[in-house]
């Protein structure tokens, strides 16, 4: 459980630093023998700041809970 808590905290901090992820997909539009036409489409995923804070806080609770069970 400690490792899971640490991972959640790290993901939460990364979500605070990087609030957007951009990526490009390629779709094949026409494939007629030697002629091939592809289309590139750009996408972005945004998340609010409070999502990163929430995940980091949940990770902290998991980490604290794992430490209390051990004692």
PDB file of N, CA and C in Angstrom:
ATOM      1  N   UNK A   1       0.809  -1.187   0.000  1.00  0.00           N
ATOM      2  CA  UNK A   1       0.000   0.000   0.000  1.00  0.00           C
ATOM      3  C   UNK A   1       0.861   1.264   0.000  1.00  0.00           C
ATOM      4  N   UNK A   2       2.047   1.183   0.623  1.00  0.00           N
ATOM      5  CA  UNK A   2       2.922   2.359   0.645  1.00  0.00           C
ATOM      6  C   UNK A   2       3.312   2.762  -0.776  1.00  0.00           C
ATOM      7  N   UNK A   3       3.647   1.776  -1.581  1.00  0.00           N
ATOM      8  CA  UNK A   3       4.056   2.066  -2.956  1.00  0.00           C
ATOM      9  C   UNK A   3       2.906   2.708  -3.738  1.00  0.00           C
ATOM     10  N   UNK A   4       1.699   2.220  -3.533  1.00  0.00           N
ATOM     11  CA  UNK A   4       0.530   2.783  -4.202  1.00  0.00           C
ATOM     12  C   UNK A   4       0.306   4.239  -3.789  1.00  0.00           C
ATOM     13  N   UNK A   5       0.478   4.522  -2.505  1.00  0.00           N
ATOM     14  CA  UNK A   5       0.347   5.890  -2.015  1.00  0.00           C
ATOM     15  C   UNK A   5       1.388   6.815  -2.614  1.00  0.00           C
ATOM     16  N   UNK A   6       2.620   6.348  -2.692  1.00  0.00           N
ATOM     17  CA  UNK A   6       3.695   7.154  -3.274  1.00  0.00           C
ATOM     18  C   UNK A   6       3.429   7.399  -4.756  1.00  0.00           C
ATOM     19  N   UNK A   7       2.944   6.381  -5.476  1.00  0.00           N
ATOM     20  CA  UNK A   7       2.629   6.533  -6.898  1.00  0.00           C
ATOM     21  C   UNK A   7       1.513   7.559  -7.086  1.00  0.00           C
ATOM     22  N   UNK A   8       0.476   7.500  -6.238  1.00  0.00           N
ATOM     23  CA  UNK A   8      -0.613   8.470  -6.342  1.00  0.00           C
ATOM     24  C   UNK A   8      -0.121   9.895  -6.082  1.00  0.00           C
ATOM     25  N   UNK A   9       0.737  10.067  -5.115  1.00  0.00           N
ATOM     26  CA  UNK A   9       1.285  11.397  -4.832  1.00  0.00           C
ATOM     27  C   UNK A   9       2.095  11.898  -6.025  1.00  0.00           C
ATOM     28  N   UNK A  10       2.912  11.029  -6.599  1.00  0.00           N
ATOM     29  CA  UNK A  10       3.725  11.425  -7.757  1.00  0.00           C
ATOM     30  C   UNK A  10       2.848  11.781  -8.955  1.00  0.00           C
ATOM     31  N   UNK A  11       1.808  11.007  -9.198  1.00  0.00           N
ATOM     32  CA  UNK A  11       0.896  11.296 -10.310  1.00  0.00           C
ATOM     33  C   UNK A  11       0.179  12.624 -10.067  1.00  0.00           C
ATOM     34  N   UNK A  12      -0.239  12.867  -8.832  1.00  0.00           N
ATOM     35  CA  UNK A  12      -0.888  14.129  -8.510  1.00  0.00           C
ATOM     36  C   UNK A  12       0.013  15.323  -8.745  1.00  0.00           C
ATOM     37  N   UNK A  13       1.272  15.210  -8.356  1.00  0.00           N
ATOM     38  CA  UNK A  13       2.227  16.300  -8.566  1.00  0.00           C
ATOM     39  C   UNK A  13       2.475  16.511 -10.058  1.00  0.00           C
ATOM     40  N   UNK A  14       2.599  15.422 -10.816  1.00  0.00           N
ATOM     41  CA  UNK A  14       2.782  15.547 -12.267  1.00  0.00           C
ATOM     42  C   UNK A  14       1.564  16.185 -12.925  1.00  0.00           C
ATOM     43  N   UNK A  15       0.373  15.878 -12.420  1.00  0.00           N
ATOM     44  CA  UNK A  15      -0.840  16.491 -12.965  1.00  0.00           C
ATOM     45  C   UNK A  15      -0.890  17.985 -12.659  1.00  0.00           C
ATOM     46  N   UNK A  16      -0.293  18.397 -11.548  1.00  0.00           N
ATOM     47  CA  UNK A  16      -0.216  19.827 -11.241  1.00  0.00           C
ATOM     48  C   UNK A  16       0.775  20.543 -12.159  1.00  0.00           C
ATOM     49  N   UNK A  17       1.860  19.870 -12.496  1.00  0.00           N
ATOM     50  CA  UNK A  17       2.882  20.477 -13.347  1.00  0.00           C
ATOM     51  C   UNK A  17       2.427  20.501 -14.802  1.00  0.00           C
ATOM     52  N   UNK A  18       1.943  19.371 -15.292  1.00  0.00           N
ATOM     53  CA  UNK A  18       1.504  19.247 -16.680  1.00  0.00           C
ATOM     54  C   UNK A  18      -0.018  19.173 -16.701  1.00  0.00           C
ATOM     55  N   UNK A  19      -0.667  20.287 -17.006  1.00  0.00           N
ATOM     56  CA  UNK A  19      -2.130  20.317 -16.969  1.00  0.00           C
ATOM     57  C   UNK A  19      -2.760  19.932 -18.300  1.00  0.00           C
ATOM     58  N   UNK A  20      -1.942  19.647 -19.297  1.00  0.00           N
ATOM     59  CA  UNK A  20      -2.460  19.265 -20.612  1.00  0.00           C
ATOM     60  C   UNK A  20      -1.527  18.259 -21.262  1.00  0.00           C
ATOM     61  N   UNK A  21      -2.116  17.292 -21.957  1.00  0.00           N
ATOM     62  CA  UNK A  21      -1.349  16.319 -22.729  1.00  0.00           C
ATOM     63  C   UNK A  21      -1.822  16.419 -24.174  1.00  0.00           C
ATOM     64  N   UNK A  22      -0.901  16.620 -25.091  1.00  0.00           N
ATOM     65  CA  UNK A  22      -1.214  16.696 -26.515  1.00  0.00           C
ATOM     66  C   UNK A  22      -0.670  15.466 -27.229  1.00  0.00           C
ATOM     67  N   UNK A  23      -1.454  14.962 -28.186  1.00  0.00           N
ATOM     68  CA  UNK A  23      -0.981  13.850 -28.995  1.00  0.00           C
ATOM     69  C   UNK A  23      -1.635  13.919 -30.363  1.00  0.00           C
ATOM     70  N   UNK A  24      -1.023  13.236 -31.330  1.00  0.00           N
ATOM     71  CA  UNK A  24      -1.495  13.240 -32.714  1.00  0.00           C
ATOM     72  C   UNK A  24      -1.796  11.815 -33.139  1.00  0.00           C
ATOM     73  N   UNK A  25      -2.926  11.647 -33.833  1.00  0.00           N
ATOM     74  CA  UNK A  25      -3.271  10.341 -34.379  1.00  0.00           C
ATOM     75  C   UNK A  25      -3.267  10.427 -35.904  1.00  0.00           C
ATOM     76  N   UNK A  26      -2.898   9.338 -36.546  1.00  0.00           N
ATOM     77  CA  UNK A  26      -2.911   9.259 -38.006  1.00  0.00           C
ATOM     78  C   UNK A  26      -4.000   8.274 -38.415  1.00  0.00           C
ATOM     79  N   UNK A  27      -4.860   8.729 -39.310  1.00  0.00           N
ATOM     80  CA  UNK A  27      -5.919   7.878 -39.843  1.00  0.00           C
ATOM     81  C   UNK A  27      -5.713   7.725 -41.340  1.00  0.00           C
ATOM     82  N   UNK A  28      -5.883   6.498 -41.833  1.00  0.00           N
ATOM     83  CA  UNK A  28      -5.763   6.240 -43.255  1.00  0.00           C
ATOM     84  C   UNK A  28      -7.101   6.583 -43.900  1.00  0.00           C
ATOM     85  N   UNK A  29      -7.091   7.555 -44.816  1.00  0.00           N
ATOM     86  CA  UNK A  29      -8.312   7.987 -45.481  1.00  0.00           C
ATOM     87  C   UNK A  29      -8.533   7.177 -46.751  1.00  0.00           C
ATOM     88  N   UNK A  30      -7.506   7.109 -47.607  1.00  0.00           N
ATOM     89  CA  UNK A  30      -7.612   6.370 -48.865  1.00  0.00           C
ATOM     90  C   UNK A  30      -6.384   5.490 -49.007  1.00  0.00           C
ATOM     91  N   UNK A  31      -6.616   4.241 -49.371  1.00  0.00           N
ATOM     92  CA  UNK A  31      -5.531   3.309 -49.649  1.00  0.00           C
ATOM     93  C   UNK A  31      -5.874   2.606 -50.947  1.00  0.00           C
ATOM     94  N   UNK A  32      -5.444   3.199 -52.062  1.00  0.00           N
ATOM     95  CA  UNK A  32      -5.745   2.663 -53.389  1.00  0.00           C
ATOM     96  C   UNK A  32      -4.439   2.255 -54.058  1.00  0.00           C
ATOM     97  N   UNK A  33      -3.996   1.065 -53.746  1.00  0.00           N
ATOM     98  CA  UNK A  33      -2.761   0.555 -54.335  1.00  0.00           C
ATOM     99  C   UNK A  33      -1.566   1.361 -53.874  1.00  0.00           C
ATOM    100  N   UNK A  34      -0.807   1.931 -54.815  1.00  0.00           N
ATOM    101  CA  UNK A  34       0.384   2.696 -54.423  1.00  0.00           C
ATOM    102  C   UNK A  34       0.049   4.088 -53.871  1.00  0.00           C
ATOM    103  N   UNK A  35      -1.202   4.528 -54.038  1.00  0.00           N
ATOM    104  CA  UNK A  35      -1.596   5.848 -53.541  1.00  0.00           C
ATOM    105  C   UNK A  35      -2.216   5.685 -52.153  1.00  0.00           C
ATOM    106  N   UNK A  36      -1.678   6.433 -51.226  1.00  0.00           N
ATOM    107  CA  UNK A  36      -2.164   6.360 -49.843  1.00  0.00           C
ATOM    108  C   UNK A  36      -2.296   7.780 -49.307  1.00  0.00           C
ATOM    109  N   UNK A  37      -3.468   8.101 -48.763  1.00  0.00           N
ATOM    110  CA  UNK A  37      -3.697   9.420 -48.186  1.00  0.00           C
ATOM    111  C   UNK A  37      -3.993   9.238 -46.709  1.00  0.00           C
ATOM    112  N   UNK A  38      -3.206   9.933 -45.883  1.00  0.00           N
ATOM    113  CA  UNK A  38      -3.364   9.866 -44.434  1.00  0.00           C
ATOM    114  C   UNK A  38      -3.808  11.222 -43.901  1.00  0.00           C
ATOM    115  N   UNK A  39      -4.499  11.179 -42.797  1.00  0.00           N
ATOM    116  CA  UNK A  39      -4.965  12.404 -42.146  1.00  0.00           C
ATOM    117  C   UNK A  39      -4.417  12.424 -40.727  1.00  0.00           C
ATOM    118  N   UNK A  40      -3.769  13.515 -40.350  1.00  0.00           N
ATOM    119  CA  UNK A  40      -3.262  13.683 -38.986  1.00  0.00           C
ATOM    120  C   UNK A  40      -4.235  14.551 -38.215  1.00  0.00           C
ATOM    121  N   UNK A  41      -4.603  14.092 -37.033  1.00  0.00           N
ATOM    122  CA  UNK A  41      -5.541  14.835 -36.201  1.00  0.00           C
ATOM    123  C   UNK A  41      -4.908  15.059 -34.828  1.00  0.00           C
ATOM    124  N   UNK A  42      -4.904  16.315 -34.398  1.00  0.00           N
ATOM    125  CA  UNK A  42      -4.316  16.658 -33.103  1.00  0.00           C
ATOM    126  C   UNK A  42      -5.394  16.612 -32.028  1.00  0.00           C
ATOM    127  N   UNK A  43      -5.040  16.033 -30.890  1.00  0.00           N
ATOM    128  CA  UNK A  43      -5.946  15.924 -29.751  1.00  0.00           C
ATOM    129  C   UNK A  43      -5.238  16.485 -28.514  1.00  0.00           C
ATOM    130  N   UNK A  44      -6.022  16.941 -27.577  1.00  0.00           N
ATOM    131  CA  UNK A  44      -5.452  17.357 -26.301  1.00  0.00           C
ATOM    132  C   UNK A  44      -6.399  16.946 -25.182  1.00  0.00           C
ATOM    133  N   UNK A  45      -5.802  16.561 -24.074  1.00  0.00           N
ATOM    134  CA  UNK A  45      -6.560  16.188 -22.876  1.00  0.00           C
ATOM    135  C   UNK A  45      -6.188  17.185 -21.786  1.00  0.00           C
ATOM    136  N   UNK A  46      -7.184  17.881 -21.280  1.00  0.00           N
ATOM    137  CA  UNK A  46      -6.983  18.847 -20.205  1.00  0.00           C
ATOM    138  C   UNK A  46      -7.646  18.324 -18.938  1.00  0.00           C
ATOM    139  N   UNK A  47      -7.054  18.636 -17.800  1.00  0.00           N
ATOM    140  CA  UNK A  47      -7.697  18.322 -16.529  1.00  0.00           C
ATOM    141  C   UNK A  47      -7.536  19.513 -15.604  1.00  0.00           C
ATOM    142  N   UNK A  48      -8.492  19.684 -14.705  1.00  0.00           N
ATOM    143  CA  UNK A  48      -8.419  20.839 -13.800  1.00  0.00           C
ATOM    144  C   UNK A  48      -7.347  20.651 -12.732  1.00  0.00           C
ATOM    145  N   UNK A  49      -6.925  21.756 -12.151  1.00  0.00           N
ATOM    146  CA  UNK A  49      -5.882  21.743 -11.128  1.00  0.00           C
ATOM    147  C   UNK A  49      -6.317  20.939  -9.904  1.00  0.00           C
ATOM    148  N   UNK A  50      -7.600  21.049  -9.549  1.00  0.00           N
ATOM    149  CA  UNK A  50      -8.056  20.354  -8.348  1.00  0.00           C
ATOM    150  C   UNK A  50      -8.009  18.830  -8.499  1.00  0.00           C
ATOM    151  N   UNK A  51      -7.975  18.315  -9.719  1.00  0.00           N
ATOM    152  CA  UNK A  51      -7.854  16.872  -9.904  1.00  0.00           C
ATOM    153  C   UNK A  51      -6.479  16.388  -9.440  1.00  0.00           C
ATOM    154  N   UNK A  52      -5.427  17.123  -9.795  1.00  0.00           N
ATOM    155  CA  UNK A  52      -4.078  16.772  -9.342  1.00  0.00           C
ATOM    156  C   UNK A  52      -3.936  16.888  -7.838  1.00  0.00           C
ATOM    157  N   UNK A  53      -4.520  17.949  -7.270  1.00  0.00           N
ATOM    158  CA  UNK A  53      -4.472  18.117  -5.817  1.00  0.00           C
ATOM    159  C   UNK A  53      -5.212  16.975  -5.133  1.00  0.00           C
ATOM    160  N   UNK A  54      -6.379  16.622  -5.662  1.00  0.00           N
ATOM    161  CA  UNK A  54      -7.174  15.538  -5.077  1.00  0.00           C
ATOM    162  C   UNK A  54      -6.456  14.205  -5.100  1.00  0.00           C
ATOM    163  N   UNK A  55      -5.815  13.887  -6.201  1.00  0.00           N
ATOM    164  CA  UNK A  55      -5.092  12.615  -6.301  1.00  0.00           C
ATOM    165  C   UNK A  55      -3.909  12.597  -5.345  1.00  0.00           C
ATOM    166  N   UNK A  56      -3.200  13.726  -5.220  1.00  0.00           N
ATOM    167  CA  UNK A  56      -2.070  13.786  -4.290  1.00  0.00           C
ATOM    168  C   UNK A  56      -2.546  13.630  -2.845  1.00  0.00           C
ATOM    169  N   UNK A  57      -3.686  14.239  -2.503  1.00  0.00           N
ATOM    170  CA  UNK A  57      -4.229  14.125  -1.146  1.00  0.00           C
ATOM    171  C   UNK A  57      -4.675  12.692  -0.864  1.00  0.00           C
ATOM    172  N   UNK A  58      -5.315  12.057  -1.832  1.00  0.00           N
ATOM    173  CA  UNK A  58      -5.715  10.653  -1.658  1.00  0.00           C
ATOM    174  C   UNK A  58      -4.485   9.775  -1.450  1.00  0.00           C
ATOM    175  N   UNK A  59      -3.419  10.039  -2.221  1.00  0.00           N
ATOM    176  CA  UNK A  59      -2.177   9.292  -2.047  1.00  0.00           C
ATOM    177  C   UNK A  59      -1.587   9.490  -0.662  1.00  0.00           C
ATOM    178  N   UNK A  60      -1.687  10.706  -0.141  1.00  0.00           N
ATOM    179  CA  UNK A  60      -1.184  10.967   1.214  1.00  0.00           C
ATOM    180  C   UNK A  60      -1.998  10.192   2.246  1.00  0.00           C
ATOM    181  N   UNK A  61      -3.326  10.160   2.087  1.00  0.00           N
ATOM    182  CA  UNK A  61      -4.168   9.394   3.001  1.00  0.00           C
ATOM    183  C   UNK A  61      -3.851   7.898   2.937  1.00  0.00           C
ATOM    184  N   UNK A  62      -3.615   7.380   1.742  1.00  0.00           N
ATOM    185  CA  UNK A  62      -3.257   5.964   1.592  1.00  0.00           C
ATOM    186  C   UNK A  62      -1.929   5.687   2.275  1.00  0.00           C
ATOM    187  N   UNK A  63      -0.975   6.588   2.098  1.00  0.00           N
ATOM    188  CA  UNK A  63       0.342   6.419   2.716  1.00  0.00           C
ATOM    189  C   UNK A  63       0.248   6.488   4.235  1.00  0.00           C
ATOM    190  N   UNK A  64      -0.511   7.425   4.759  1.00  0.00           N
ATOM    191  CA  UNK A  64      -0.700   7.535   6.221  1.00  0.00           C
ATOM    192  C   UNK A  64      -1.414   6.306   6.760  1.00  0.00           C
ATOM    193  N   UNK A  65      -2.437   5.860   6.037  1.00  0.00           N
ATOM    194  CA  UNK A  65      -3.175   4.663   6.450  1.00  0.00           C
ATOM    195  C   UNK A  65      -2.306   3.423   6.465  1.00  0.00           C
ATOM    196  N   UNK A  66      -1.414   3.308   5.509  1.00  0.00           N
ATOM    197  CA  UNK A  66      -0.510   2.145   5.469  1.00  0.00           C
ATOM    198  C   UNK A  66       0.454   2.193   6.642  1.00  0.00           C
ATOM    199  N   UNK A  67       0.898   3.378   7.022  1.00  0.00           N
ATOM    200  CA  UNK A  67       1.820   3.509   8.159  1.00  0.00           C
ATOM    201  C   UNK A  67       1.126   3.228   9.470  1.00  0.00           C
ATOM    202  N   UNK A  68      -0.135   3.606   9.596  1.00  0.00           N
ATOM    203  CA  UNK A  68      -0.874   3.359  10.858  1.00  0.00           C
ATOM    204  C   UNK A  68      -1.199   1.883  11.038  1.00  0.00           C
ATOM    205  N   UNK A  69      -1.477   1.188   9.940  1.00  0.00           N
ATOM    206  CA  UNK A  69      -1.754  -0.265  10.039  1.00  0.00           C
ATOM    207  C   UNK A  69      -0.524  -1.015  10.509  1.00  0.00           C
ATOM    208  N   UNK A  70       0.625  -0.545  10.071  1.00  0.00           N
ATOM    209  CA  UNK A  70       1.880  -1.232  10.421  1.00  0.00           C
ATOM    210  C   UNK A  70       2.207  -1.105  11.893  1.00  0.00           C
ATOM    211  N   UNK A  71       1.866   0.017  12.509  1.00  0.00           N
ATOM    212  CA  UNK A  71       2.212   0.255  13.914  1.00  0.00           C
ATOM    213  C   UNK A  71       1.381  -0.529  14.865  1.00  0.00           C
TER     214      UNK A  71
END
